[in-house]
Amino acid sequence: MNKLHLRGFKCFRERVLELNRLTILTGNNGVGKSSVIQALLLLREVLESCASYSEDNCDWSWTQKDVPLNCAMKLQLGSYDDICNVDSSEIFIGIDDVEMMIEQGSSNEQVKALLTPEELVRIPTFLTRSKFYYLNAERIGPRRFYDISMPSFMHSGIQGEYAGNILLEASKAFPKVDKERLFGDDGFNNFNIQVDRWMSYIFSDVSVKSVPITPNVCQIKLRGSRTLSVAPNTGFGYTYALPIVIDGLIAEKGSLLVIENPEAHLHPRAQSNIGFFIGQMVAAGLKVVVETHSEHVVNGIRRAALSDIGLSPQDVCIYFFTGDRDGCNFTRISMDDNGNLSDFPVDFFDQVRQDMLEIIRLATIRRKK
């Protein structure tokens, strides 16, 4: 388990979160969930820009550079003043025992940081390895055509923009899927087959195919039990979930996968099933951080933790965020061996109960009139 230390960053005066094999961030809007992910992305962006590893010398080096706050990771953090807590004069983002001081760069929309090679060695490899997987909440919806373009390494892209090309290249790039990530026990480890199996599990009976139209564009086609549809003729849920399935199946073991709102545009059953999928990918060796507003995603993860797939309830950590005058606060919720959660604070997935009580109250008043 790793510790993320935030001091003076946005709404956090000073807080520490433990990042488990699977960390779930949930809670009301505007209370700090996205800020945690932004801190991870900013830390990663700084490392990508300034840190380099020499295979010949087997050591790290650091080049001082300004890093933009509005950059390729879909970070739109504004200016240094926007990310500095109103009660703080300094910003620190730390992971385990390494703390990185974030200072204003050459302009107010840039930052700089400094680490020694000795400190770089102590940063967990899921942040320093060359492959880093992040799916933004604003993923690409149904499109008639998708550009054929290759990322620097094989992944779906921050918005799922490479999903069509990944499916085209699958037979060459990923001839087999790890057995721990397979759906069911029939042994079919072909990547495209596994994409279909998991998509059918999430949505019920669907297969996905990418077809080249020209050398520069392709189409994603989905076949159900009775129809064959081009992506624009299908719901948003398919194209929002597809990059999650692709990245889950291809991400390197030991790497970090950050997913924002996996439940977007999904029916509750599909939300639960994609939660189970995420749980199995964690069991297969990924480290995953999920931001979600869905109790169904959480319950799907709870099912995964109780299933015989290698995910333990102790591998899952839930943070429920609330906001007050003291900034961003959260309750850490754990899971026991029976899948029970340690705490149910007010507004933690209890809206159905609140609504039913209000409906009963209003119905009682109506009957008395």
Protein backbone atom coordinates (compact mmCIF):
# COMPACT_ATOMS: atom_id res chain seq x y z
CA MET A 1 0.00 0.00 0.00
CA ASN A 2 1.30 3.46 -0.92
CA LYS A 3 0.66 6.81 0.72
CA LEU A 4 -0.25 9.95 -1.18
CA HIS A 5 0.53 13.11 0.81
CA LEU A 6 -1.13 16.36 -0.25
CA ARG A 7 -0.17 19.63 1.43
CA GLY A 8 -1.35 23.01 0.21
CA PHE A 9 -2.80 21.55 -3.00
CA LYS A 10 -6.20 22.96 -3.95
CA CYS A 11 -8.72 22.12 -1.22
CA PHE A 12 -6.22 20.08 0.83
CA ARG A 13 -4.44 21.84 3.65
CA GLU A 14 -2.73 18.58 4.57
CA ARG A 15 -4.12 15.07 4.11
CA VAL A 16 -2.72 11.59 3.53
CA LEU A 17 -4.51 8.90 1.53
CA GLU A 18 -3.43 5.30 1.36
CA LEU A 19 -3.53 3.94 -2.18
CA ASN A 20 -4.47 0.28 -2.05
CA ARG A 21 -4.40 -2.17 -4.96
CA LEU A 22 -7.87 -0.78 -5.72
CA THR A 23 -8.73 2.69 -4.41
CA ILE A 24 -12.25 4.06 -4.85
CA LEU A 25 -12.93 7.80 -4.58
CA THR A 26 -16.57 8.70 -4.07
CA GLY A 27 -18.70 11.41 -2.47
CA ASN A 28 -20.58 14.55 -3.35
CA ASN A 29 -19.64 16.89 -6.20
CA GLY A 30 -16.86 19.40 -5.73
CA VAL A 31 -15.39 17.94 -2.52
CA GLY A 32 -11.93 16.81 -3.63
CA LYS A 33 -12.20 13.51 -5.52
CA SER A 34 -10.99 14.94 -8.81
CA SER A 35 -8.30 16.91 -6.98
CA VAL A 36 -6.74 13.64 -5.80
CA ILE A 37 -6.59 12.39 -9.38
CA GLN A 38 -5.26 15.75 -10.57
CA ALA A 39 -2.47 15.52 -8.00
CA LEU A 40 -1.50 12.09 -9.33
CA LEU A 41 -1.61 13.33 -12.92
CA LEU A 42 0.43 16.44 -12.11
CA LEU A 43 3.00 14.31 -10.30
CA ARG A 44 3.16 12.00 -13.31
CA GLU A 45 3.44 14.95 -15.72
CA VAL A 46 6.35 16.39 -13.75
CA LEU A 47 8.11 13.00 -13.74
CA GLU A 48 7.55 12.52 -17.48
CA SER A 49 8.94 15.99 -18.23
CA CYS A 50 11.90 16.09 -15.88
CA ALA A 51 13.00 12.57 -14.94
CA SER A 52 14.89 10.18 -17.22
CA TYR A 53 16.37 6.75 -16.71
CA SER A 54 19.60 5.60 -18.33
CA GLU A 55 19.62 1.94 -19.30
CA ASP A 56 23.41 2.10 -19.80
CA ASN A 57 24.20 3.55 -16.38
CA CYS A 58 21.15 2.08 -14.59
CA ASP A 59 20.45 5.37 -12.84
CA TRP A 60 18.05 8.31 -12.81
CA SER A 61 18.73 11.92 -13.73
CA TRP A 62 16.68 15.08 -13.35
CA THR A 63 16.43 18.01 -15.75
CA GLN A 64 14.83 21.13 -14.35
CA LYS A 65 11.94 22.16 -16.62
CA ASP A 66 8.77 24.16 -16.42
CA VAL A 67 5.70 21.94 -16.57
CA PRO A 68 2.38 23.35 -17.87
CA LEU A 69 -0.66 23.18 -15.62
CA ASN A 70 -2.91 22.89 -18.67
CA CYS A 71 -1.34 20.03 -20.53
CA ALA A 72 -1.53 16.71 -22.38
CA MET A 73 -2.96 14.76 -19.44
CA LYS A 74 -6.19 16.73 -19.93
CA LEU A 75 -5.19 18.78 -16.90
CA GLN A 76 -6.86 22.16 -16.93
CA LEU A 77 -5.67 23.48 -13.59
CA GLY A 78 -5.50 27.15 -14.55
CA SER A 79 -2.74 29.01 -12.77
CA TYR A 80 -0.46 28.39 -9.81
CA ASP A 81 -2.74 30.58 -7.72
CA ASP A 82 -5.65 28.28 -8.61
CA ILE A 83 -3.93 25.15 -7.24
CA CYS A 84 -2.50 26.73 -4.08
CA ASN A 85 -4.67 26.30 -1.00
CA VAL A 86 -5.87 29.64 0.37
CA ASP A 87 -4.38 28.84 3.78
CA SER A 88 -1.02 27.67 2.44
CA SER A 89 2.01 29.35 0.93
CA GLU A 90 3.61 26.13 -0.37
CA ILE A 91 2.47 23.07 -2.30
CA PHE A 92 3.80 19.59 -1.66
CA ILE A 93 2.76 16.38 -3.39
CA GLY A 94 4.32 13.33 -1.83
CA ILE A 95 4.25 9.61 -2.52
CA ASP A 96 5.41 7.31 0.27
CA ASP A 97 8.47 9.01 1.82
CA VAL A 98 9.29 11.25 -1.16
CA GLU A 99 7.87 14.79 -1.10
CA MET A 100 7.96 17.03 -4.15
CA MET A 101 7.69 20.75 -3.60
CA ILE A 102 5.69 22.43 -6.39
CA GLU A 103 6.69 26.01 -7.13
CA GLN A 104 5.53 28.53 -9.69
CA GLY A 105 7.43 28.25 -12.96
CA SER A 106 8.44 30.92 -15.45
CA SER A 107 4.78 31.85 -15.85
CA ASN A 108 1.75 31.58 -13.60
CA GLU A 109 0.45 28.66 -15.70
CA GLN A 110 3.59 26.60 -15.21
CA VAL A 111 5.18 24.87 -12.23
CA LYS A 112 8.58 23.46 -11.43
CA ALA A 113 9.83 20.89 -8.96
CA LEU A 114 13.15 19.43 -7.95
CA LEU A 115 14.05 15.89 -6.93
CA THR A 116 17.41 14.21 -6.40
CA PRO A 117 18.29 10.91 -8.12
CA GLU A 118 18.19 9.30 -4.66
CA GLU A 119 14.60 10.46 -4.21
CA LEU A 120 13.61 9.35 -7.71
CA VAL A 121 14.69 5.79 -6.93
CA ARG A 122 12.25 5.71 -4.00
CA ILE A 123 9.19 6.71 -6.05
CA PRO A 124 6.95 3.68 -6.70
CA THR A 125 7.44 2.17 -10.13
CA PHE A 126 3.75 2.49 -11.05
CA LEU A 127 4.39 6.26 -11.34
CA THR A 128 7.82 6.14 -12.98
CA ARG A 129 7.41 3.33 -15.51
CA SER A 130 7.05 4.37 -19.14
CA LYS A 131 3.44 3.15 -19.47
CA PHE A 132 0.73 5.01 -17.57
CA TYR A 133 -2.99 4.51 -18.20
CA TYR A 134 -5.60 7.20 -17.59
CA LEU A 135 -9.20 7.45 -18.81
CA ASN A 136 -10.77 10.87 -18.48
CA ALA A 137 -14.44 11.30 -17.54
CA GLU A 138 -15.05 13.02 -20.88
CA ARG A 139 -14.47 10.08 -23.22
CA ILE A 140 -15.27 10.04 -26.92
CA GLY A 141 -18.87 9.18 -27.69
CA PRO A 142 -20.20 7.40 -30.77
CA ARG A 143 -18.48 8.51 -33.97
CA ARG A 144 -18.92 7.44 -37.57
CA PHE A 145 -15.17 7.43 -38.12
CA TYR A 146 -12.16 7.16 -35.81
CA ASP A 147 -8.68 8.33 -36.76
CA ILE A 148 -6.05 5.64 -37.21
CA SER A 149 -3.12 6.94 -35.21
CA MET A 150 -0.61 5.21 -33.00
CA PRO A 151 0.11 6.37 -29.45
CA SER A 152 3.60 6.23 -27.99
CA PHE A 153 2.61 2.91 -26.43
CA MET A 154 -0.45 0.71 -26.79
CA HIS A 155 -3.40 2.11 -24.85
CA SER A 156 -6.86 3.49 -25.56
CA GLY A 157 -5.88 7.11 -25.08
CA ILE A 158 -7.03 9.51 -22.40
CA GLN A 159 -10.46 9.84 -24.07
CA GLY A 160 -10.59 6.47 -25.80
CA GLU A 161 -9.43 8.05 -29.05
CA TYR A 162 -7.14 5.13 -29.93
CA ALA A 163 -9.67 2.38 -29.23
CA GLY A 164 -10.44 1.70 -32.90
CA ASN A 165 -6.80 1.40 -33.86
CA ILE A 166 -6.01 -0.78 -30.84
CA LEU A 167 -8.66 -3.25 -32.03
CA LEU A 168 -7.12 -3.21 -35.53
CA GLU A 169 -3.63 -3.89 -34.19
CA ALA A 170 -4.70 -6.43 -31.58
CA SER A 171 -3.78 -9.62 -33.41
CA LYS A 172 -0.21 -8.37 -33.93
CA ALA A 173 0.35 -6.52 -30.66
CA PHE A 174 -1.47 -8.73 -28.13
CA PRO A 175 -1.66 -12.31 -29.37
CA LYS A 176 -2.68 -13.51 -25.91
CA VAL A 177 -4.39 -12.17 -22.80
CA ASP A 178 -3.13 -13.17 -19.36
CA LYS A 179 -5.14 -16.08 -17.99
CA GLU A 180 -5.97 -14.05 -14.85
CA ARG A 181 -7.85 -11.54 -17.02
CA LEU A 182 -9.91 -14.03 -19.02
CA PHE A 183 -13.68 -14.01 -18.78
CA GLY A 184 -14.80 -17.45 -17.68
CA ASP A 185 -12.72 -20.59 -17.83
CA ASP A 186 -12.98 -21.71 -21.47
CA GLY A 187 -9.34 -20.82 -22.11
CA PHE A 188 -9.81 -18.53 -25.14
CA ASN A 189 -7.01 -15.98 -24.68
CA ASN A 190 -7.26 -14.11 -28.00
CA PHE A 191 -7.50 -10.37 -27.32
CA ASN A 192 -10.44 -9.66 -29.63
CA ILE A 193 -12.36 -12.64 -28.25
CA GLN A 194 -11.81 -11.41 -24.71
CA VAL A 195 -12.96 -7.90 -25.61
CA ASP A 196 -16.16 -9.45 -26.94
CA ARG A 197 -16.58 -11.71 -23.91
CA TRP A 198 -16.24 -8.87 -21.43
CA MET A 199 -18.38 -6.46 -23.46
CA SER A 200 -21.07 -9.15 -23.69
CA TYR A 201 -20.83 -9.67 -19.93
CA ILE A 202 -21.22 -5.95 -19.27
CA PHE A 203 -23.95 -5.28 -21.84
CA SER A 204 -25.35 -8.72 -22.70
CA ASP A 205 -24.57 -10.28 -26.08
CA VAL A 206 -22.48 -7.80 -28.07
CA SER A 207 -19.33 -8.11 -30.14
CA VAL A 208 -17.04 -5.30 -31.26
CA LYS A 209 -15.04 -4.97 -34.46
CA SER A 210 -12.86 -2.25 -35.94
CA VAL A 211 -12.85 -1.98 -39.73
CA PRO A 212 -10.37 0.13 -41.74
CA ILE A 213 -12.15 2.49 -44.15
CA THR A 214 -9.14 4.38 -45.50
CA PRO A 215 -5.47 4.34 -44.45
CA ASN A 216 -6.32 7.14 -42.00
CA VAL A 217 -9.70 6.24 -40.53
CA CYS A 218 -11.59 3.22 -39.25
CA GLN A 219 -15.10 2.38 -38.07
CA ILE A 220 -16.11 0.64 -34.87
CA LYS A 221 -18.98 -1.78 -35.46
CA LEU A 222 -21.02 -3.51 -32.78
CA ARG A 223 -23.05 -6.63 -33.42
CA GLY A 224 -25.89 -7.63 -31.13
CA SER A 225 -28.05 -10.72 -31.31
CA ARG A 226 -30.00 -9.33 -34.29
CA THR A 227 -28.29 -6.22 -35.60
CA LEU A 228 -24.97 -4.87 -36.84
CA SER A 229 -24.53 -1.18 -36.04
CA VAL A 230 -21.90 1.44 -36.74
CA ALA A 231 -20.92 3.27 -33.53
CA PRO A 232 -23.07 6.41 -34.14
CA ASN A 233 -26.18 4.22 -34.17
CA THR A 234 -25.49 2.86 -30.70
CA GLY A 235 -25.72 4.39 -27.24
CA PHE A 236 -22.90 6.26 -25.57
CA GLY A 237 -22.44 3.47 -23.05
CA TYR A 238 -20.67 1.16 -25.50
CA THR A 239 -18.01 3.65 -26.57
CA TYR A 240 -17.54 4.88 -23.00
CA ALA A 241 -17.01 1.37 -21.63
CA LEU A 242 -14.90 -0.02 -24.49
CA PRO A 243 -11.67 1.86 -23.56
CA ILE A 244 -11.99 0.59 -19.98
CA VAL A 245 -12.17 -3.00 -21.21
CA ILE A 246 -9.30 -2.49 -23.66
CA ASP A 247 -6.97 -0.85 -21.13
CA GLY A 248 -7.87 -3.38 -18.47
CA LEU A 249 -6.87 -6.22 -20.78
CA ILE A 250 -3.64 -4.71 -22.15
CA ALA A 251 -2.19 -2.67 -19.26
CA GLU A 252 1.12 -4.02 -18.02
CA LYS A 253 1.13 -5.81 -14.70
CA GLY A 254 2.23 -3.49 -11.92
CA SER A 255 1.13 -0.37 -13.79
CA LEU A 256 -1.40 2.23 -12.67
CA LEU A 257 -4.81 2.59 -14.32
CA VAL A 258 -6.84 5.67 -13.36
CA ILE A 259 -10.51 5.64 -14.39
CA GLU A 260 -12.93 8.53 -13.98
CA ASN A 261 -16.65 7.71 -13.87
CA PRO A 262 -16.69 4.16 -15.27
CA GLU A 263 -20.48 4.21 -14.79
CA ALA A 264 -21.08 7.01 -17.32
CA HIS A 265 -24.05 6.26 -19.63
CA LEU A 266 -24.44 2.72 -18.27
CA HIS A 267 -27.53 0.90 -17.01
CA PRO A 268 -27.22 -0.09 -13.31
CA ARG A 269 -26.58 -3.75 -14.19
CA ALA A 270 -23.83 -2.74 -16.59
CA GLN A 271 -22.37 -0.47 -13.89
CA SER A 272 -22.19 -3.40 -11.49
CA ASN A 273 -20.63 -5.65 -14.12
CA ILE A 274 -17.97 -3.11 -15.06
CA GLY A 275 -17.17 -2.87 -11.35
CA PHE A 276 -16.62 -6.63 -11.31
CA PHE A 277 -14.41 -6.32 -14.41
CA ILE A 278 -12.28 -3.68 -12.69
CA GLY A 279 -11.97 -5.94 -9.65
CA GLN A 280 -10.71 -8.83 -11.77
CA MET A 281 -8.16 -6.63 -13.51
CA VAL A 282 -6.82 -5.61 -10.09
CA ALA A 283 -6.64 -9.29 -9.13
CA ALA A 284 -4.61 -9.82 -12.32
CA GLY A 285 -1.92 -7.37 -11.16
CA LEU A 286 -3.00 -3.80 -11.96
CA LYS A 287 -3.12 -0.96 -9.48
CA VAL A 288 -6.35 0.97 -10.08
CA VAL A 289 -7.75 4.28 -8.84
CA VAL A 290 -11.45 4.81 -9.62
CA GLU A 291 -13.54 7.94 -9.18
CA THR A 292 -17.23 7.04 -9.14
CA HIS A 293 -20.66 8.23 -8.03
CA SER A 294 -22.19 4.79 -8.49
CA GLU A 295 -23.11 2.39 -5.71
CA HIS A 296 -23.53 -0.24 -8.43
CA VAL A 297 -19.86 0.02 -9.43
CA VAL A 298 -18.90 -0.35 -5.77
CA ASN A 299 -21.20 -3.34 -5.35
CA GLY A 300 -19.72 -4.96 -8.46
CA ILE A 301 -16.28 -4.55 -6.89
CA ARG A 302 -17.61 -6.06 -3.66
CA ARG A 303 -18.81 -9.08 -5.66
CA ALA A 304 -15.36 -9.39 -7.20
CA ALA A 305 -13.71 -9.26 -3.78
CA LEU A 306 -15.87 -12.17 -2.60
CA SER A 307 -15.35 -14.23 -5.77
CA ASP A 308 -12.58 -16.73 -6.29
CA ILE A 309 -10.54 -14.56 -8.67
CA GLY A 310 -7.68 -13.46 -6.43
CA LEU A 311 -8.99 -10.12 -5.15
CA SER A 312 -9.18 -9.83 -1.37
CA PRO A 313 -11.52 -7.45 0.48
CA GLN A 314 -8.36 -6.10 2.11
CA ASP A 315 -7.11 -5.02 -1.34
CA VAL A 316 -9.95 -2.49 -1.63
CA CYS A 317 -10.05 0.93 0.00
CA ILE A 318 -12.99 3.35 -0.32
CA TYR A 319 -12.75 7.07 0.45
CA PHE A 320 -16.00 8.98 0.90
CA PHE A 321 -15.35 12.71 0.47
CA THR A 322 -17.23 15.54 2.13
CA GLY A 323 -16.56 19.26 2.11
CA ASP A 324 -16.70 21.82 4.90
CA ARG A 325 -15.06 25.05 5.98
CA ASP A 326 -11.88 23.19 6.83
CA GLY A 327 -11.46 22.04 3.24
CA CYS A 328 -11.72 18.53 1.82
CA ASN A 329 -12.33 15.78 4.30
CA PHE A 330 -12.99 12.12 3.81
CA THR A 331 -13.96 8.95 5.62
CA ARG A 332 -11.95 5.83 4.89
CA ILE A 333 -14.21 2.79 4.47
CA SER A 334 -12.85 -0.74 4.50
CA MET A 335 -14.39 -4.08 3.59
CA ASP A 336 -14.43 -7.20 5.77
CA ASP A 337 -14.15 -10.80 4.64
CA ASN A 338 -17.91 -11.00 4.08
CA GLY A 339 -18.02 -7.91 1.87
CA ASN A 340 -19.52 -5.71 4.58
CA LEU A 341 -18.40 -2.09 4.65
CA SER A 342 -17.02 -0.59 7.85
CA ASP A 343 -19.01 2.64 7.73
CA PHE A 344 -22.05 4.19 6.07
CA PRO A 345 -21.81 7.97 6.62
CA VAL A 346 -24.71 10.23 5.69
CA ASP A 347 -25.04 10.61 1.88
CA PHE A 348 -22.89 7.54 1.22
CA PHE A 349 -25.12 5.73 -1.29
CA ASP A 350 -28.19 6.14 0.94
CA GLN A 351 -30.21 8.35 -1.41
CA VAL A 352 -32.73 5.56 -2.10
CA ARG A 353 -33.44 5.29 1.63
CA GLN A 354 -33.72 9.08 1.95
CA ASP A 355 -36.05 9.29 -1.04
CA MET A 356 -38.27 6.43 0.18
CA LEU A 357 -38.62 8.01 3.62
CA GLU A 358 -39.62 11.30 1.99
CA ILE A 359 -42.06 9.53 -0.35
CA ILE A 360 -43.67 7.75 2.61
CA ARG A 361 -43.88 11.04 4.53
CA LEU A 362 -45.47 12.88 1.61
CA ALA A 363 -47.85 9.99 0.87
CA THR A 364 -48.96 9.98 4.52
CA ILE A 365 -49.67 13.71 4.38
CA ARG A 366 -51.59 13.25 1.12
CA ARG A 367 -53.79 10.49 2.58
CA LYS A 368 -54.68 12.67 5.57
CA LYS A 369 -55.95 15.51 3.42
